[in-house]
Amino acid sequence: MKPDTRLVDIAARRFRIAVILTAAIVFVYFGFILLVAFDKELLATIMVPGLSVGIALGAVVIFVAFFLTGIYVRWANNHYDAALNDIRGGKA
């Protein structure tokens, strides 16, 4: 039995978005880790009393992870789930 081309297309789109978002978080996370490893002086710079660049960038890494997860969830809810529902014939 040959797979439905619509199912193959939506699976390919899901794979592409997953690769893009994964690459983005890997870039952000490993960029932060490389800064920790090779530029401790920059991360130790105090921006305001009690807040260093390292702490601020660590918070940014966490925010980016939540943001990218939100992008995926929104895409999945608006496109992926709707496409699967159409393939199933409108049955949820």
Protein backbone atom coordinates (compact mmCIF):
# COMPACT_ATOMS: atom_id res chain seq x y z
CA MET A 1 0.00 0.00 0.00
CA LYS A 2 1.43 3.37 -1.07
CA PRO A 3 1.44 6.12 1.60
CA ASP A 4 -0.77 9.13 1.08
CA THR A 5 1.33 11.92 -0.49
CA ARG A 6 -0.32 14.44 1.80
CA LEU A 7 0.95 12.49 4.80
CA VAL A 8 4.45 12.33 3.32
CA ASP A 9 4.35 16.10 2.68
CA ILE A 10 3.25 16.99 6.21
CA ALA A 11 5.87 14.65 7.67
CA ALA A 12 8.54 16.37 5.55
CA ARG A 13 7.34 19.80 6.71
CA ARG A 14 7.40 18.66 10.34
CA PHE A 15 10.93 17.34 9.89
CA ARG A 16 12.10 20.64 8.33
CA ILE A 17 10.65 22.78 11.11
CA ALA A 18 12.12 20.44 13.73
CA VAL A 19 15.58 20.66 12.14
CA ILE A 20 15.43 24.45 11.89
CA LEU A 21 14.30 24.92 15.49
CA THR A 22 16.78 22.34 16.77
CA ALA A 23 19.63 24.06 14.92
CA ALA A 24 18.58 27.40 16.41
CA ILE A 25 18.60 26.14 20.01
CA VAL A 26 21.87 24.25 19.48
CA PHE A 27 23.44 27.45 18.13
CA VAL A 28 22.22 29.50 21.11
CA TYR A 29 23.11 26.90 23.74
CA PHE A 30 26.54 26.01 22.40
CA GLY A 31 27.29 29.68 21.79
CA PHE A 32 26.64 30.28 25.48
CA ILE A 33 28.73 27.27 26.51
CA LEU A 34 31.61 28.43 24.30
CA LEU A 35 31.45 31.85 25.95
CA VAL A 36 31.61 30.17 29.35
CA ALA A 37 34.62 28.16 28.22
CA PHE A 38 36.57 30.86 26.41
CA ASP A 39 35.49 34.32 27.61
CA LYS A 40 34.85 34.15 31.33
CA GLU A 41 35.91 37.79 31.70
CA LEU A 42 33.08 38.96 29.46
CA LEU A 43 30.53 36.89 31.34
CA ALA A 44 31.84 38.20 34.66
CA THR A 45 31.24 41.81 33.58
CA ILE A 46 28.73 43.45 35.90
CA MET A 47 25.89 45.18 34.05
CA VAL A 48 24.13 46.49 37.15
CA PRO A 49 24.80 45.59 40.78
CA GLY A 50 23.85 41.94 41.20
CA LEU A 51 23.53 41.18 37.47
CA SER A 52 26.41 39.99 35.34
CA VAL A 53 26.45 39.46 31.59
CA GLY A 54 26.65 35.69 32.22
CA ILE A 55 23.48 35.63 34.29
CA ALA A 56 21.65 37.78 31.74
CA LEU A 57 22.77 35.57 28.83
CA GLY A 58 21.80 32.44 30.78
CA ALA A 59 18.32 33.88 31.16
CA VAL A 60 18.26 34.67 27.44
CA VAL A 61 19.13 31.03 26.64
CA ILE A 62 16.18 29.87 28.77
CA PHE A 63 13.87 32.44 27.17
CA VAL A 64 14.94 31.39 23.66
CA ALA A 65 14.25 27.74 24.51
CA PHE A 66 10.71 28.61 25.67
CA PHE A 67 10.19 30.88 22.65
CA LEU A 68 11.29 28.23 20.13
CA THR A 69 9.13 25.64 21.87
CA GLY A 70 6.20 28.04 21.57
CA ILE A 71 6.87 28.46 17.87
CA TYR A 72 6.77 24.70 17.38
CA VAL A 73 3.59 24.28 19.45
CA ARG A 74 1.85 27.05 17.56
CA TRP A 75 2.93 25.61 14.20
CA ALA A 76 1.84 22.10 15.23
CA ASN A 77 -1.55 23.31 16.46
CA ASN A 78 -2.27 25.51 13.44
CA HIS A 79 -0.77 23.49 10.59
CA TYR A 80 0.28 19.97 11.51
CA ASP A 81 -2.81 18.94 13.48
CA ALA A 82 -5.13 20.56 10.93
CA ALA A 83 -3.39 18.75 8.06
CA LEU A 84 -3.61 15.42 9.87
CA ASN A 85 -7.27 16.03 10.56
CA ASP A 86 -7.86 16.72 6.86
CA ILE A 87 -6.04 13.51 5.93
CA ARG A 88 -8.21 11.54 8.37
CA GLY A 89 -11.30 12.96 6.68
CA GLY A 90 -12.21 15.49 9.33
CA LYS A 91 -12.48 12.94 12.12
CA ALA A 92 -10.71 14.07 15.30
